[in-house]
């Protein structure tokens, strides 16, 4: 079995990647503070901002594939902690790419749709990034650093993810579910559009890329452009929740530290062309995520 190293295995997407990879690869993964109870793979507790730690880990494990998923992802927190964001999102990415290249390993960098400004959707891989938030800027800088440090790279830009946690972490769909279970109202934008993807679906696509000859930038998203309010209605219907707990609002109605673009819908023509994994629309993705007694379903390619 090939050796694969997945950073951020204790995060939301990381949990799905780790569980799906365990059956196909000799799997190693990292966490920062809290060691998860999932013991079917090998965990490395590590500070990824330390160059020596990264170099020693790569040289010890000698993975053939590195999926760099760990990052600071809270848009508002990144605005407040810019130095830590740079260290975690940019410097660590550059070091992982550098040391993986030194042993001939392929690196897949998990980026974001928020590298775009939302003014000219839907976005293809050829469109020019122009992030509005510090988080988006840090991810774009990390893309450039990874590409420069390791020629055998893939920059995977996913859309916003949903689903229950596979190991730990959370998602915007879980935020809604928690509110509704406590009979609290969620305020959802009617004028902010994304192409959401079920994290289990995304994990399968990323792991297919791990064994693919493709290099470069690729967008991985759901097959449907939708606003947050309409997505909330779909989720509420699947979970049998009352729509009275969903309040439609516009972006101008809520002030947040980190600027959010209005529409960063992604084109997925390239992913459809080269991948066997079917990228699901919202209804099918929500069914896969929450249709089996609210437990996640792992999709086959």
Protein backbone atom coordinates (compact mmCIF):
# COMPACT_ATOMS: atom_id res chain seq x y z
CA UNK A 1 0.00 0.00 0.00
CA UNK A 2 1.16 3.52 -0.74
CA UNK A 3 1.94 5.77 2.20
CA UNK A 4 -0.22 8.87 2.49
CA UNK A 5 0.11 11.74 4.96
CA UNK A 6 -2.98 13.85 5.63
CA UNK A 7 -2.54 17.00 7.69
CA UNK A 8 -5.42 18.18 9.85
CA UNK A 9 -7.03 14.77 10.34
CA UNK A 10 -8.89 16.06 13.39
CA UNK A 11 -10.63 18.74 11.32
CA UNK A 12 -13.94 18.44 9.51
CA UNK A 13 -12.76 17.45 6.02
CA UNK A 14 -9.72 15.74 7.54
CA UNK A 15 -11.93 13.22 9.31
CA UNK A 16 -13.57 12.17 6.05
CA UNK A 17 -10.20 11.96 4.28
CA UNK A 18 -8.68 9.84 7.05
CA UNK A 19 -11.59 7.39 7.23
CA UNK A 20 -11.76 6.96 3.46
CA UNK A 21 -7.97 6.73 3.03
CA UNK A 22 -7.53 4.08 5.71
CA UNK A 23 -8.91 1.36 3.46
CA UNK A 24 -6.73 2.27 0.47
CA UNK A 25 -3.43 3.60 1.85
CA UNK A 26 -1.04 3.20 4.74
CA UNK A 27 -2.39 6.32 6.37
CA UNK A 28 -0.70 8.86 8.65
CA UNK A 29 -2.34 12.04 9.83
CA UNK A 30 -1.65 15.05 12.03
CA UNK A 31 -3.45 16.91 14.77
CA UNK A 32 -2.35 19.94 16.77
CA UNK A 33 -3.71 19.68 20.31
CA UNK A 34 -6.37 17.07 20.99
CA UNK A 35 -5.65 13.52 19.88
CA UNK A 36 -8.89 11.98 18.50
CA UNK A 37 -10.07 8.57 19.68
CA UNK A 38 -10.12 7.17 16.14
CA UNK A 39 -7.23 4.66 16.24
CA UNK A 40 -7.39 2.89 12.86
CA UNK A 41 -4.60 5.06 11.45
CA UNK A 42 -1.36 6.57 12.81
CA UNK A 43 -1.63 10.02 14.40
CA UNK A 44 1.18 12.58 14.63
CA UNK A 45 0.69 15.37 17.18
CA UNK A 46 2.62 18.27 15.68
CA UNK A 47 2.91 22.03 15.37
CA UNK A 48 3.01 22.60 11.61
CA UNK A 49 4.49 26.09 11.99
CA UNK A 50 7.78 24.52 13.16
CA UNK A 51 10.07 23.79 10.20
CA UNK A 52 12.08 21.18 12.10
CA UNK A 53 8.95 19.30 13.09
CA UNK A 54 7.75 19.18 9.50
CA UNK A 55 11.10 18.09 8.09
CA UNK A 56 11.51 15.34 10.70
CA UNK A 57 7.98 14.05 10.16
CA UNK A 58 8.34 13.91 6.37
CA UNK A 59 11.74 12.22 6.56
CA UNK A 60 10.51 9.69 9.12
CA UNK A 61 7.25 8.72 7.38
CA UNK A 62 8.47 9.24 3.80
CA UNK A 63 4.97 9.43 2.32
CA UNK A 64 4.43 9.11 -1.40
CA UNK A 65 1.43 11.46 -1.22
CA UNK A 66 0.80 14.42 1.08
CA UNK A 67 -2.69 15.93 1.37
CA UNK A 68 -2.28 19.26 3.11
CA UNK A 69 -5.63 20.00 4.66
CA UNK A 70 -4.71 21.67 7.98
CA UNK A 71 -5.38 25.40 8.14
CA UNK A 72 -6.96 28.25 10.04
CA UNK A 73 -10.34 28.41 8.31
CA UNK A 74 -12.46 30.72 10.46
CA UNK A 75 -12.78 33.80 8.23
CA UNK A 76 -13.44 36.22 11.07
CA UNK A 77 -10.71 34.83 13.33
CA UNK A 78 -8.20 35.13 10.49
CA UNK A 79 -8.97 38.86 10.29
CA UNK A 80 -8.16 39.22 13.98
CA UNK A 81 -5.10 36.94 14.11
CA UNK A 82 -3.26 37.78 10.92
CA UNK A 83 0.22 36.80 12.05
CA UNK A 84 -0.93 33.35 13.21
CA UNK A 85 -2.89 32.95 9.98
CA UNK A 86 0.22 33.66 7.92
CA UNK A 87 2.28 31.19 9.94
CA UNK A 88 -0.33 28.43 9.75
CA UNK A 89 -1.78 28.91 6.28
CA UNK A 90 1.19 30.16 4.26
CA UNK A 91 4.46 29.21 5.95
CA UNK A 92 3.40 25.68 6.92
CA UNK A 93 2.13 25.06 3.37
CA UNK A 94 5.42 26.22 1.85
CA UNK A 95 7.43 23.98 4.20
CA UNK A 96 5.28 20.91 3.54
CA UNK A 97 5.61 21.43 -0.20
CA UNK A 98 9.37 21.94 0.09
CA UNK A 99 10.05 18.85 2.20
CA UNK A 100 7.64 16.64 0.25
CA UNK A 101 9.42 17.66 -2.97
CA UNK A 102 12.76 16.73 -1.39
CA UNK A 103 11.65 13.08 -1.06
CA UNK A 104 9.78 13.01 -4.38
CA UNK A 105 6.30 13.05 -2.85
CA UNK A 106 3.21 14.47 -4.52
CA UNK A 107 1.33 17.17 -2.62
CA UNK A 108 -2.36 18.04 -2.82
CA UNK A 109 -3.13 21.41 -1.28
CA UNK A 110 -6.69 21.98 -0.09
CA UNK A 111 -7.52 25.60 -0.89
CA UNK A 112 -10.91 27.37 -1.01
CA UNK A 113 -13.44 29.05 -3.28
CA UNK A 114 -12.85 32.24 -1.26
CA UNK A 115 -9.78 33.07 -3.33
CA UNK A 116 -12.32 34.78 -5.65
CA UNK A 117 -14.10 38.11 -5.17
CA UNK A 118 -17.56 36.98 -6.26
CA UNK A 119 -17.95 39.53 -9.04
CA UNK A 120 -17.78 37.25 -12.11
CA UNK A 121 -19.11 33.76 -11.30
CA UNK A 122 -19.10 30.91 -12.02
CA UNK A 123 -15.33 30.58 -11.72
CA UNK A 124 -13.13 28.24 -13.72
CA UNK A 125 -9.56 27.26 -12.93
CA UNK A 126 -8.37 29.85 -15.46
CA UNK A 127 -10.06 32.80 -13.73
CA UNK A 128 -7.88 35.21 -11.80
CA UNK A 129 -8.15 35.03 -7.99
CA UNK A 130 -8.88 38.23 -6.09
CA UNK A 131 -9.67 37.39 -2.45
CA UNK A 132 -11.63 39.86 -0.33
CA UNK A 133 -10.78 38.48 3.13
CA UNK A 134 -7.45 37.90 4.85
CA UNK A 135 -8.33 34.21 5.00
CA UNK A 136 -8.85 34.11 1.24
CA UNK A 137 -5.61 36.03 0.71
CA UNK A 138 -3.65 33.61 2.90
CA UNK A 139 -4.99 30.63 0.99
CA UNK A 140 -4.07 32.21 -2.34
CA UNK A 141 -0.55 32.93 -1.11
CA UNK A 142 -0.30 29.32 0.04
CA UNK A 143 -1.40 28.13 -3.42
CA UNK A 144 1.46 30.09 -4.98
CA UNK A 145 3.97 28.87 -2.38
CA UNK A 146 3.02 25.21 -2.86
CA UNK A 147 3.18 25.46 -6.65
CA UNK A 148 6.63 27.10 -6.49
CA UNK A 149 8.08 24.59 -3.99
CA UNK A 150 6.85 21.30 -5.46
CA UNK A 151 6.31 20.75 -9.21
CA UNK A 152 4.28 17.58 -8.48
CA UNK A 153 1.35 19.42 -6.95
CA UNK A 154 -2.40 19.71 -7.14
CA UNK A 155 -4.23 22.81 -5.92
CA UNK A 156 -7.73 21.59 -5.07
CA UNK A 157 -10.25 24.38 -4.54
CA UNK A 158 -13.35 23.06 -2.82
CA UNK A 159 -16.58 24.91 -2.22
CA UNK A 160 -18.16 25.25 1.21
CA UNK A 161 -18.65 21.81 2.80
CA UNK A 162 -21.54 20.27 4.69
CA UNK A 163 -22.38 17.09 6.56
CA UNK A 164 -22.01 15.65 10.08
CA UNK A 165 -18.48 15.17 11.45
CA UNK A 166 -16.74 11.93 10.47
CA UNK A 167 -14.32 12.13 13.41
CA UNK A 168 -14.49 15.69 14.74
CA UNK A 169 -14.95 19.24 13.55
CA UNK A 170 -18.14 20.86 12.34
CA UNK A 171 -19.79 22.40 9.28
CA UNK A 172 -22.35 25.06 8.44
CA UNK A 173 -25.04 22.39 8.09
CA UNK A 174 -24.25 21.15 11.61
CA UNK A 175 -24.47 24.74 12.87
CA UNK A 176 -27.99 24.92 11.47
CA UNK A 177 -28.96 21.52 12.85
CA UNK A 178 -27.71 22.44 16.34
CA UNK A 179 -29.72 25.66 16.30
CA UNK A 180 -32.91 23.94 15.15
CA UNK A 181 -32.57 21.18 17.73
CA UNK A 182 -32.51 23.90 20.38
CA UNK A 183 -35.46 25.69 18.74
CA UNK A 184 -33.29 28.63 17.76
CA UNK A 185 -33.60 30.61 14.53
CA UNK A 186 -30.88 30.67 11.89
CA UNK A 187 -30.43 33.76 9.75
CA UNK A 188 -29.52 32.67 6.23
CA UNK A 189 -28.50 34.83 3.28
CA UNK A 190 -30.72 34.93 0.21
CA UNK A 191 -28.07 36.82 -1.77
CA UNK A 192 -24.93 34.77 -1.08
CA UNK A 193 -24.37 31.92 -3.52
CA UNK A 194 -22.03 28.92 -3.37
CA UNK A 195 -21.77 25.45 -4.90
CA UNK A 196 -21.81 23.41 -1.65
CA UNK A 197 -20.36 19.92 -1.51
CA UNK A 198 -20.90 17.04 0.92
CA UNK A 199 -17.57 16.45 2.65
CA UNK A 200 -17.73 12.70 2.03
CA UNK A 201 -18.13 13.36 -1.69
CA UNK A 202 -15.21 15.81 -1.62
CA UNK A 203 -12.98 13.34 0.23
CA UNK A 204 -13.56 10.66 -2.41
CA UNK A 205 -12.70 13.11 -5.19
CA UNK A 206 -9.50 14.22 -3.44
CA UNK A 207 -8.38 10.63 -2.83
CA UNK A 208 -9.04 9.80 -6.47
CA UNK A 209 -6.77 12.72 -7.38
CA UNK A 210 -4.11 11.30 -5.06
CA UNK A 211 -3.61 8.42 -7.50
CA UNK A 212 -4.24 10.43 -10.67
CA UNK A 213 -1.55 11.79 -12.99
CA UNK A 214 -3.15 15.25 -13.02
CA UNK A 215 -1.17 18.25 -11.78
CA UNK A 216 -2.29 21.86 -11.47
CA UNK A 217 -5.43 23.61 -10.23
CA UNK A 218 -8.80 21.90 -10.04
CA UNK A 219 -12.17 22.99 -8.67
CA UNK A 220 -14.15 20.43 -6.67
CA UNK A 221 -17.68 21.48 -5.77
CA UNK A 222 -21.25 20.32 -5.81
CA UNK A 223 -23.07 20.46 -9.11
CA UNK A 224 -25.62 23.05 -7.97
CA UNK A 225 -25.40 26.82 -7.41
CA UNK A 226 -27.59 27.76 -4.47
CA UNK A 227 -28.03 30.50 -1.88
CA UNK A 228 -27.71 29.72 1.82
CA UNK A 229 -31.41 30.22 2.51
CA UNK A 230 -32.54 27.72 -0.13
CA UNK A 231 -29.92 25.25 1.10
CA UNK A 232 -31.29 25.66 4.61
CA UNK A 233 -34.80 24.83 3.39
CA UNK A 234 -33.52 21.64 1.72
CA UNK A 235 -31.70 20.59 4.88
CA UNK A 236 -34.69 21.38 7.10
CA UNK A 237 -36.91 19.25 4.88
CA UNK A 238 -34.51 16.29 5.09
CA UNK A 239 -34.22 16.63 8.88
CA UNK A 240 -37.96 17.20 9.36
CA UNK A 241 -37.37 20.60 10.94
CA UNK A 242 -39.89 23.44 10.93
CA UNK A 243 -39.10 26.18 8.42
CA UNK A 244 -40.19 28.77 10.97
CA UNK A 245 -36.68 28.52 12.45
CA UNK A 246 -35.14 29.82 9.21
CA UNK A 247 -35.06 33.59 8.70
CA UNK A 248 -34.11 34.94 5.26
CA UNK A 249 -31.73 37.93 5.40
CA UNK A 250 -29.45 39.82 3.04
CA UNK A 251 -25.72 40.28 3.41
CA UNK A 252 -26.12 43.98 4.13
CA UNK A 253 -28.21 43.12 7.20
CA UNK A 254 -25.33 41.46 9.09
CA UNK A 255 -21.89 42.93 9.80
CA UNK A 256 -18.98 40.48 10.04
CA UNK A 257 -15.22 41.13 10.48
CA UNK A 258 -14.29 39.14 7.39
CA UNK A 259 -15.72 40.25 4.04
CA UNK A 260 -17.69 37.53 2.24
CA UNK A 261 -18.10 37.59 -1.54
CA UNK A 262 -21.63 37.43 -2.93
CA UNK A 263 -21.13 34.56 -5.38
CA UNK A 264 -18.10 32.28 -5.63
CA UNK A 265 -19.84 29.45 -7.47
CA UNK A 266 -17.31 27.14 -9.06
CA UNK A 267 -17.27 25.52 -12.48
CA UNK A 268 -16.53 21.79 -12.25
CA UNK A 269 -16.12 20.89 -15.92
CA UNK A 270 -12.51 19.81 -15.41
CA UNK A 271 -13.34 17.62 -12.41
CA UNK A 272 -16.17 15.99 -14.33
CA UNK A 273 -13.81 15.31 -17.22
CA UNK A 274 -10.99 13.63 -15.32
CA UNK A 275 -12.67 12.09 -12.25
CA UNK A 276 -14.87 9.04 -11.91
CA UNK A 277 -16.32 10.38 -8.65
CA UNK A 278 -19.72 11.92 -9.32
CA UNK A 279 -20.08 15.39 -7.79
CA UNK A 280 -23.52 15.59 -6.23
CA UNK A 281 -26.18 18.30 -6.25
CA UNK A 282 -27.50 19.54 -2.91
CA UNK A 283 -30.48 17.21 -2.66
CA UNK A 284 -28.39 14.10 -3.35
CA UNK A 285 -25.55 15.31 -1.14
CA UNK A 286 -27.83 16.05 1.80
CA UNK A 287 -29.42 12.62 1.35
CA UNK A 288 -25.96 11.00 1.42
CA UNK A 289 -24.95 13.02 4.47
CA UNK A 290 -28.14 12.86 6.53
CA UNK A 291 -30.39 10.28 4.93
CA UNK A 292 -29.18 7.24 6.90
CA UNK A 293 -30.37 8.08 10.41
CA UNK A 294 -28.32 11.29 10.18
CA UNK A 295 -25.05 9.37 9.78
CA UNK A 296 -22.61 10.10 6.99
CA UNK A 297 -22.40 7.85 3.96
CA UNK A 298 -19.05 7.22 2.28
CA UNK A 299 -19.47 7.20 -1.47
CA UNK A 300 -17.69 4.85 -3.86
CA UNK A 301 -16.14 6.18 -7.04
